[in-house]
Amino acid sequence: MIIKKGTQVRIITGKDRGKTGEILEIDRKQKRVKIKSINMIKKHLKPTKENKGGIISKENFIHISNIKDIDLKKKEKKETRSK
């Protein structure tokens, strides 16, 4: 499977199974990806001069084996042939 930033993928296992999203970040060394609005975690930040602090929600990494590529071009071809 070719993995690039911005590719649409579907989650096939885990708590977010069945959801789709766009790849935001790739960690090729650990074979993990960050997907938009998937695997959300709460992070506690200390207040500093720059930011207010508090609890924020952010995406966490998910392993490459738990995702499946959604090829929109192939999907469109299948739909046109079946009609």
PDB file of N, CA and C in Angstrom:
ATOM      1  N   MET A   1       0.843  -1.175   0.000  1.00  0.00           N
ATOM      2  CA  MET A   1       0.000   0.000   0.000  1.00  0.00           C
ATOM      3  C   MET A   1       0.893   1.244   0.000  1.00  0.00           C
ATOM      4  N   ILE A   2       0.602   2.168  -0.889  1.00  0.00           N
ATOM      5  CA  ILE A   2       1.350   3.410  -0.962  1.00  0.00           C
ATOM      6  C   ILE A   2       0.731   4.395   0.023  1.00  0.00           C
ATOM      7  N   ILE A   3       1.553   4.917   0.912  1.00  0.00           N
ATOM      8  CA  ILE A   3       1.062   5.851   1.924  1.00  0.00           C
ATOM      9  C   ILE A   3       1.697   7.210   1.676  1.00  0.00           C
ATOM     10  N   LYS A   4       0.846   8.209   1.475  1.00  0.00           N
ATOM     11  CA  LYS A   4       1.304   9.577   1.298  1.00  0.00           C
ATOM     12  C   LYS A   4       0.445  10.491   2.152  1.00  0.00           C
ATOM     13  N   LYS A   5       0.978  11.634   2.472  1.00  0.00           N
ATOM     14  CA  LYS A   5       0.232  12.638   3.213  1.00  0.00           C
ATOM     15  C   LYS A   5      -0.939  13.121   2.356  1.00  0.00           C
ATOM     16  N   GLY A   6      -2.137  13.180   2.938  1.00  0.00           N
ATOM     17  CA  GLY A   6      -3.317  13.626   2.218  1.00  0.00           C
ATOM     18  C   GLY A   6      -4.148  12.505   1.621  1.00  0.00           C
ATOM     19  N   THR A   7      -3.690  11.256   1.716  1.00  0.00           N
ATOM     20  CA  THR A   7      -4.425  10.115   1.178  1.00  0.00           C
ATOM     21  C   THR A   7      -5.623   9.789   2.070  1.00  0.00           C
ATOM     22  N   GLN A   8      -6.744   9.421   1.460  1.00  0.00           N
ATOM     23  CA  GLN A   8      -7.932   9.011   2.209  1.00  0.00           C
ATOM     24  C   GLN A   8      -7.792   7.537   2.591  1.00  0.00           C
ATOM     25  N   VAL A   9      -8.019   7.226   3.880  1.00  0.00           N
ATOM     26  CA  VAL A   9      -7.914   5.855   4.365  1.00  0.00           C
ATOM     27  C   VAL A   9      -9.109   5.510   5.245  1.00  0.00           C
ATOM     28  N   ARG A  10      -9.353   4.201   5.404  1.00  0.00           N
ATOM     29  CA  ARG A  10     -10.416   3.702   6.285  1.00  0.00           C
ATOM     30  C   ARG A  10      -9.760   2.879   7.389  1.00  0.00           C
ATOM     31  N   ILE A  11     -10.255   3.012   8.620  1.00  0.00           N
ATOM     32  CA  ILE A  11      -9.753   2.250   9.756  1.00  0.00           C
ATOM     33  C   ILE A  11     -10.428   0.874   9.731  1.00  0.00           C
ATOM     34  N   ILE A  12      -9.631  -0.202   9.798  1.00  0.00           N
ATOM     35  CA  ILE A  12     -10.205  -1.543   9.712  1.00  0.00           C
ATOM     36  C   ILE A  12     -10.247  -2.259  11.056  1.00  0.00           C
ATOM     37  N   THR A  13      -9.499  -1.800  12.066  1.00  0.00           N
ATOM     38  CA  THR A  13      -9.544  -2.407  13.395  1.00  0.00           C
ATOM     39  C   THR A  13      -9.428  -1.345  14.469  1.00  0.00           C
ATOM     40  N   GLY A  14      -9.840  -1.695  15.673  1.00  0.00           N
ATOM     41  CA  GLY A  14      -9.705  -0.792  16.809  1.00  0.00           C
ATOM     42  C   GLY A  14     -10.991  -0.059  17.139  1.00  0.00           C
ATOM     43  N   LYS A  15     -10.893   0.900  18.050  1.00  0.00           N
ATOM     44  CA  LYS A  15     -12.084   1.600  18.537  1.00  0.00           C
ATOM     45  C   LYS A  15     -12.724   2.495  17.479  1.00  0.00           C
ATOM     46  N   ASP A  16     -11.968   2.911  16.477  1.00  0.00           N
ATOM     47  CA  ASP A  16     -12.489   3.780  15.422  1.00  0.00           C
ATOM     48  C   ASP A  16     -12.770   3.013  14.129  1.00  0.00           C
ATOM     49  N   ARG A  17     -13.013   1.717  14.219  1.00  0.00           N
ATOM     50  CA  ARG A  17     -13.228   0.868  13.045  1.00  0.00           C
ATOM     51  C   ARG A  17     -14.376   1.394  12.181  1.00  0.00           C
ATOM     52  N   GLY A  18     -14.145   1.457  10.860  1.00  0.00           N
ATOM     53  CA  GLY A  18     -15.163   1.899   9.922  1.00  0.00           C
ATOM     54  C   GLY A  18     -15.101   3.374   9.587  1.00  0.00           C
ATOM     55  N   LYS A  19     -14.392   4.163  10.373  1.00  0.00           N
ATOM     56  CA  LYS A  19     -14.289   5.602  10.113  1.00  0.00           C
ATOM     57  C   LYS A  19     -13.264   5.852   9.012  1.00  0.00           C
ATOM     58  N   THR A  20     -13.438   6.969   8.313  1.00  0.00           N
ATOM     59  CA  THR A  20     -12.494   7.353   7.266  1.00  0.00           C
ATOM     60  C   THR A  20     -11.877   8.698   7.607  1.00  0.00           C
ATOM     61  N   GLY A  21     -10.695   8.939   7.073  1.00  0.00           N
ATOM     62  CA  GLY A  21     -10.026  10.209   7.316  1.00  0.00           C
ATOM     63  C   GLY A  21      -8.834  10.384   6.410  1.00  0.00           C
ATOM     64  N   GLU A  22      -8.204  11.538   6.554  1.00  0.00           N
ATOM     65  CA  GLU A  22      -7.065  11.923   5.719  1.00  0.00           C
ATOM     66  C   GLU A  22      -5.787  11.829   6.537  1.00  0.00           C
ATOM     67  N   ILE A  23      -4.719  11.314   5.929  1.00  0.00           N
ATOM     68  CA  ILE A  23      -3.441  11.186   6.622  1.00  0.00           C
ATOM     69  C   ILE A  23      -2.826  12.573   6.815  1.00  0.00           C
ATOM     70  N   LEU A  24      -2.477  12.894   8.075  1.00  0.00           N
ATOM     71  CA  LEU A  24      -1.868  14.173   8.405  1.00  0.00           C
ATOM     72  C   LEU A  24      -0.349  14.078   8.528  1.00  0.00           C
ATOM     73  N   GLU A  25       0.127  12.985   9.111  1.00  0.00           N
ATOM     74  CA  GLU A  25       1.546  12.846   9.416  1.00  0.00           C
ATOM     75  C   GLU A  25       1.933  11.376   9.332  1.00  0.00           C
ATOM     76  N   ILE A  26       3.185  11.088   8.921  1.00  0.00           N
ATOM     77  CA  ILE A  26       3.667   9.719   8.784  1.00  0.00           C
ATOM     78  C   ILE A  26       4.977   9.566   9.557  1.00  0.00           C
ATOM     79  N   ASP A  27       5.077   8.493  10.358  1.00  0.00           N
ATOM     80  CA  ASP A  27       6.313   8.132  11.044  1.00  0.00           C
ATOM     81  C   ASP A  27       6.771   6.803  10.453  1.00  0.00           C
ATOM     82  N   ARG A  28       7.602   6.860   9.433  1.00  0.00           N
ATOM     83  CA  ARG A  28       8.002   5.660   8.705  1.00  0.00           C
ATOM     84  C   ARG A  28       8.896   4.742   9.547  1.00  0.00           C
ATOM     85  N   LYS A  29       9.648   5.283  10.484  1.00  0.00           N
ATOM     86  CA  LYS A  29      10.535   4.471  11.318  1.00  0.00           C
ATOM     87  C   LYS A  29       9.735   3.523  12.205  1.00  0.00           C
ATOM     88  N   GLN A  30       8.657   4.027  12.807  1.00  0.00           N
ATOM     89  CA  GLN A  30       7.822   3.195  13.673  1.00  0.00           C
ATOM     90  C   GLN A  30       6.598   2.628  12.956  1.00  0.00           C
ATOM     91  N   LYS A  31       6.450   2.921  11.660  1.00  0.00           N
ATOM     92  CA  LYS A  31       5.333   2.454  10.828  1.00  0.00           C
ATOM     93  C   LYS A  31       3.985   2.874  11.407  1.00  0.00           C
ATOM     94  N   ARG A  32       3.852   4.168  11.688  1.00  0.00           N
ATOM     95  CA  ARG A  32       2.619   4.706  12.247  1.00  0.00           C
ATOM     96  C   ARG A  32       2.203   5.960  11.483  1.00  0.00           C
ATOM     97  N   VAL A  33       0.899   6.240  11.480  1.00  0.00           N
ATOM     98  CA  VAL A  33       0.374   7.428  10.817  1.00  0.00           C
ATOM     99  C   VAL A  33      -0.598   8.150  11.744  1.00  0.00           C
ATOM    100  N   LYS A  34      -0.753   9.446  11.511  1.00  0.00           N
ATOM    101  CA  LYS A  34      -1.730  10.263  12.220  1.00  0.00           C
ATOM    102  C   LYS A  34      -2.828  10.598  11.224  1.00  0.00           C
ATOM    103  N   ILE A  35      -4.078  10.335  11.598  1.00  0.00           N
ATOM    104  CA  ILE A  35      -5.210  10.538  10.709  1.00  0.00           C
ATOM    105  C   ILE A  35      -6.150  11.571  11.315  1.00  0.00           C
ATOM    106  N   LYS A  36      -6.668  12.452  10.474  1.00  0.00           N
ATOM    107  CA  LYS A  36      -7.528  13.550  10.916  1.00  0.00           C
ATOM    108  C   LYS A  36      -8.772  13.028  11.646  1.00  0.00           C
ATOM    109  N   SER A  37      -8.988  13.481  12.878  1.00  0.00           N
ATOM    110  CA  SER A  37     -10.141  13.164  13.733  1.00  0.00           C
ATOM    111  C   SER A  37     -10.268  11.678  14.088  1.00  0.00           C
ATOM    112  N   ILE A  38      -9.153  10.935  14.053  1.00  0.00           N
ATOM    113  CA  ILE A  38      -9.158   9.521  14.426  1.00  0.00           C
ATOM    114  C   ILE A  38      -8.172   9.320  15.574  1.00  0.00           C
ATOM    115  N   ASN A  39      -8.535   8.427  16.519  1.00  0.00           N
ATOM    116  CA  ASN A  39      -7.702   8.095  17.671  1.00  0.00           C
ATOM    117  C   ASN A  39      -7.404   9.347  18.502  1.00  0.00           C
ATOM    118  N   MET A  40      -8.460  10.069  18.851  1.00  0.00           N
ATOM    119  CA  MET A  40      -8.322  11.305  19.618  1.00  0.00           C
ATOM    120  C   MET A  40      -7.955  10.994  21.067  1.00  0.00           C
ATOM    121  N   ILE A  41      -7.026  11.798  21.631  1.00  0.00           N
ATOM    122  CA  ILE A  41      -6.623  11.666  23.029  1.00  0.00           C
ATOM    123  C   ILE A  41      -6.723  13.031  23.689  1.00  0.00           C
ATOM    124  N   LYS A  42      -6.786  13.026  25.010  1.00  0.00           N
ATOM    125  CA  LYS A  42      -6.789  14.263  25.796  1.00  0.00           C
ATOM    126  C   LYS A  42      -5.374  14.501  26.291  1.00  0.00           C
ATOM    127  N   LYS A  43      -4.888  15.712  26.151  1.00  0.00           N
ATOM    128  CA  LYS A  43      -3.550  16.067  26.611  1.00  0.00           C
ATOM    129  C   LYS A  43      -3.653  17.251  27.553  1.00  0.00           C
ATOM    130  N   HIS A  44      -2.995  17.159  28.701  1.00  0.00           N
ATOM    131  CA  HIS A  44      -2.995  18.230  29.697  1.00  0.00           C
ATOM    132  C   HIS A  44      -1.769  19.106  29.465  1.00  0.00           C
ATOM    133  N   LEU A  45      -1.984  20.405  29.273  1.00  0.00           N
ATOM    134  CA  LEU A  45      -0.892  21.349  29.030  1.00  0.00           C
ATOM    135  C   LEU A  45      -0.758  22.315  30.192  1.00  0.00           C
ATOM    136  N   LYS A  46       0.479  22.567  30.588  1.00  0.00           N
ATOM    137  CA  LYS A  46       0.734  23.564  31.620  1.00  0.00           C
ATOM    138  C   LYS A  46       0.630  24.953  31.010  1.00  0.00           C
ATOM    139  N   PRO A  47       0.132  25.912  31.770  1.00  0.00           N
ATOM    140  CA  PRO A  47       0.102  27.279  31.242  1.00  0.00           C
ATOM    141  C   PRO A  47       1.516  27.863  31.127  1.00  0.00           C
ATOM    142  N   THR A  48       1.759  28.557  30.020  1.00  0.00           N
ATOM    143  CA  THR A  48       3.024  29.263  29.815  1.00  0.00           C
ATOM    144  C   THR A  48       2.700  30.684  29.370  1.00  0.00           C
ATOM    145  N   LYS A  49       3.719  31.449  29.078  1.00  0.00           N
ATOM    146  CA  LYS A  49       3.495  32.814  28.598  1.00  0.00           C
ATOM    147  C   LYS A  49       2.800  32.822  27.234  1.00  0.00           C
ATOM    148  N   GLU A  50       3.104  31.821  26.397  1.00  0.00           N
ATOM    149  CA  GLU A  50       2.535  31.777  25.047  1.00  0.00           C
ATOM    150  C   GLU A  50       1.116  31.213  25.010  1.00  0.00           C
ATOM    151  N   ASN A  51       0.851  30.133  25.766  1.00  0.00           N
ATOM    152  CA  ASN A  51      -0.475  29.521  25.698  1.00  0.00           C
ATOM    153  C   ASN A  51      -1.126  29.443  27.085  1.00  0.00           C
ATOM    154  N   LYS A  52      -2.438  29.315  27.055  1.00  0.00           N
ATOM    155  CA  LYS A  52      -3.241  29.343  28.266  1.00  0.00           C
ATOM    156  C   LYS A  52      -3.131  28.056  29.076  1.00  0.00           C
ATOM    157  N   GLY A  53      -2.953  26.936  28.401  1.00  0.00           N
ATOM    158  CA  GLY A  53      -2.901  25.657  29.092  1.00  0.00           C
ATOM    159  C   GLY A  53      -4.274  25.006  29.151  1.00  0.00           C
ATOM    160  N   GLY A  54      -4.405  23.938  29.913  1.00  0.00           N
ATOM    161  CA  GLY A  54      -5.667  23.233  30.052  1.00  0.00           C
ATOM    162  C   GLY A  54      -5.638  21.894  29.346  1.00  0.00           C
ATOM    163  N   ILE A  55      -6.821  21.339  29.093  1.00  0.00           N
ATOM    164  CA  ILE A  55      -6.953  20.031  28.456  1.00  0.00           C
ATOM    165  C   ILE A  55      -7.324  20.236  26.990  1.00  0.00           C
ATOM    166  N   ILE A  56      -6.523  19.655  26.093  1.00  0.00           N
ATOM    167  CA  ILE A  56      -6.808  19.755  24.664  1.00  0.00           C
ATOM    168  C   ILE A  56      -6.991  18.355  24.083  1.00  0.00           C
ATOM    169  N   SER A  57      -7.732  18.237  22.992  1.00  0.00           N
ATOM    170  CA  SER A  57      -7.888  16.971  22.270  1.00  0.00           C
ATOM    171  C   SER A  57      -7.018  17.025  21.023  1.00  0.00           C
ATOM    172  N   LYS A  58      -6.309  15.948  20.759  1.00  0.00           N
ATOM    173  CA  LYS A  58      -5.475  15.884  19.565  1.00  0.00           C
ATOM    174  C   LYS A  58      -5.421  14.462  19.052  1.00  0.00           C
ATOM    175  N   GLU A  59      -5.006  14.304  17.778  1.00  0.00           N
ATOM    176  CA  GLU A  59      -4.893  12.996  17.160  1.00  0.00           C
ATOM    177  C   GLU A  59      -3.639  12.300  17.666  1.00  0.00           C
ATOM    178  N   ASN A  60      -3.723  10.983  17.785  1.00  0.00           N
ATOM    179  CA  ASN A  60      -2.572  10.184  18.154  1.00  0.00           C
ATOM    180  C   ASN A  60      -2.246   9.241  16.997  1.00  0.00           C
ATOM    181  N   PHE A  61      -1.040   8.684  16.998  1.00  0.00           N
ATOM    182  CA  PHE A  61      -0.622   7.795  15.920  1.00  0.00           C
ATOM    183  C   PHE A  61      -1.354   6.458  15.986  1.00  0.00           C
ATOM    184  N   ILE A  62      -1.545   5.847  14.809  1.00  0.00           N
ATOM    185  CA  ILE A  62      -2.154   4.524  14.682  1.00  0.00           C
ATOM    186  C   ILE A  62      -1.264   3.712  13.737  1.00  0.00           C
ATOM    187  N   HIS A  63      -1.158   2.411  13.967  1.00  0.00           N
ATOM    188  CA  HIS A  63      -0.256   1.579  13.169  1.00  0.00           C
ATOM    189  C   HIS A  63      -0.779   1.416  11.740  1.00  0.00           C
ATOM    190  N   ILE A  64       0.160   1.316  10.808  1.00  0.00           N
ATOM    191  CA  ILE A  64      -0.174   1.223   9.383  1.00  0.00           C
ATOM    192  C   ILE A  64      -1.020  -0.018   9.078  1.00  0.00           C
ATOM    193  N   SER A  65      -0.821  -1.097   9.825  1.00  0.00           N
ATOM    194  CA  SER A  65      -1.561  -2.336   9.558  1.00  0.00           C
ATOM    195  C   SER A  65      -3.048  -2.205   9.888  1.00  0.00           C
ATOM    196  N   ASN A  66      -3.448  -1.168  10.597  1.00  0.00           N
ATOM    197  CA  ASN A  66      -4.843  -0.976  10.988  1.00  0.00           C
ATOM    198  C   ASN A  66      -5.617  -0.076  10.035  1.00  0.00           C
ATOM    199  N   ILE A  67      -5.009   0.295   8.907  1.00  0.00           N
ATOM    200  CA  ILE A  67      -5.694   1.166   7.956  1.00  0.00           C
ATOM    201  C   ILE A  67      -5.737   0.517   6.581  1.00  0.00           C
ATOM    202  N   LYS A  68      -6.675   0.992   5.756  1.00  0.00           N
ATOM    203  CA  LYS A  68      -6.836   0.490   4.391  1.00  0.00           C
ATOM    204  C   LYS A  68      -7.026   1.697   3.480  1.00  0.00           C
ATOM    205  N   ASP A  69      -6.335   1.688   2.349  1.00  0.00           N
ATOM    206  CA  ASP A  69      -6.416   2.784   1.391  1.00  0.00           C
ATOM    207  C   ASP A  69      -7.778   2.788   0.700  1.00  0.00           C
ATOM    208  N   ILE A  70      -8.360   3.970   0.530  1.00  0.00           N
ATOM    209  CA  ILE A  70      -9.604   4.118  -0.217  1.00  0.00           C
ATOM    210  C   ILE A  70      -9.240   4.796  -1.528  1.00  0.00           C
ATOM    211  N   ASP A  71      -9.312   4.057  -2.619  1.00  0.00           N
ATOM    212  CA  ASP A  71      -8.990   4.615  -3.931  1.00  0.00           C
ATOM    213  C   ASP A  71     -10.282   5.102  -4.571  1.00  0.00           C
ATOM    214  N   LEU A  72     -10.477   6.408  -4.597  1.00  0.00           N
ATOM    215  CA  LEU A  72     -11.710   6.987  -5.112  1.00  0.00           C
ATOM    216  C   LEU A  72     -11.865   6.763  -6.614  1.00  0.00           C
ATOM    217  N   LYS A  73     -10.765   6.708  -7.355  1.00  0.00           N
ATOM    218  CA  LYS A  73     -10.841   6.513  -8.802  1.00  0.00           C
ATOM    219  C   LYS A  73     -11.374   5.127  -9.138  1.00  0.00           C
ATOM    220  N   LYS A  74     -10.920   4.089  -8.430  1.00  0.00           N
ATOM    221  CA  LYS A  74     -11.409   2.730  -8.672  1.00  0.00           C
ATOM    222  C   LYS A  74     -12.879   2.618  -8.311  1.00  0.00           C
ATOM    223  N   LYS A  75     -13.283   3.286  -7.251  1.00  0.00           N
ATOM    224  CA  LYS A  75     -14.673   3.249  -6.801  1.00  0.00           C
ATOM    225  C   LYS A  75     -15.596   3.856  -7.867  1.00  0.00           C
ATOM    226  N   GLU A  76     -15.181   4.972  -8.463  1.00  0.00           N
ATOM    227  CA  GLU A  76     -15.982   5.626  -9.499  1.00  0.00           C
ATOM    228  C   GLU A  76     -16.124   4.726 -10.725  1.00  0.00           C
ATOM    229  N   LYS A  77     -15.047   4.027 -11.108  1.00  0.00           N
ATOM    230  CA  LYS A  77     -15.094   3.136 -12.271  1.00  0.00           C
ATOM    231  C   LYS A  77     -16.067   1.989 -12.037  1.00  0.00           C
ATOM    232  N   LYS A  78     -16.070   1.406 -10.836  1.00  0.00           N
ATOM    233  CA  LYS A  78     -16.981   0.303 -10.528  1.00  0.00           C
ATOM    234  C   LYS A  78     -18.429   0.751 -10.606  1.00  0.00           C
ATOM    235  N   GLU A  79     -18.718   1.938 -10.121  1.00  0.00           N
ATOM    236  CA  GLU A  79     -20.086   2.451 -10.143  1.00  0.00           C
ATOM    237  C   GLU A  79     -20.579   2.689 -11.570  1.00  0.00           C
ATOM    238  N   THR A  80     -19.728   3.188 -12.440  1.00  0.00           N
ATOM    239  CA  THR A  80     -20.158   3.470 -13.811  1.00  0.00           C
ATOM    240  C   THR A  80     -20.356   2.184 -14.604  1.00  0.00           C
ATOM    241  N   ARG A  81     -19.567   1.141 -14.330  1.00  0.00           N
ATOM    242  CA  ARG A  81     -19.705  -0.113 -15.053  1.00  0.00           C
ATOM    243  C   ARG A  81     -20.975  -0.852 -14.670  1.00  0.00           C
ATOM    244  N   SER A  82     -21.380  -0.772 -13.427  1.00  0.00           N
ATOM    245  CA  SER A  82     -22.541  -1.545 -12.975  1.00  0.00           C
ATOM    246  C   SER A  82     -23.873  -0.986 -13.484  1.00  0.00           C
ATOM    247  N   LYS A  83     -23.901   0.238 -13.971  1.00  0.00           N
ATOM    248  CA  LYS A  83     -25.151   0.845 -14.428  1.00  0.00           C
ATOM    249  C   LYS A  83     -25.550   0.401 -15.807  1.00  0.00           C
TER     250      LYS A  83
END
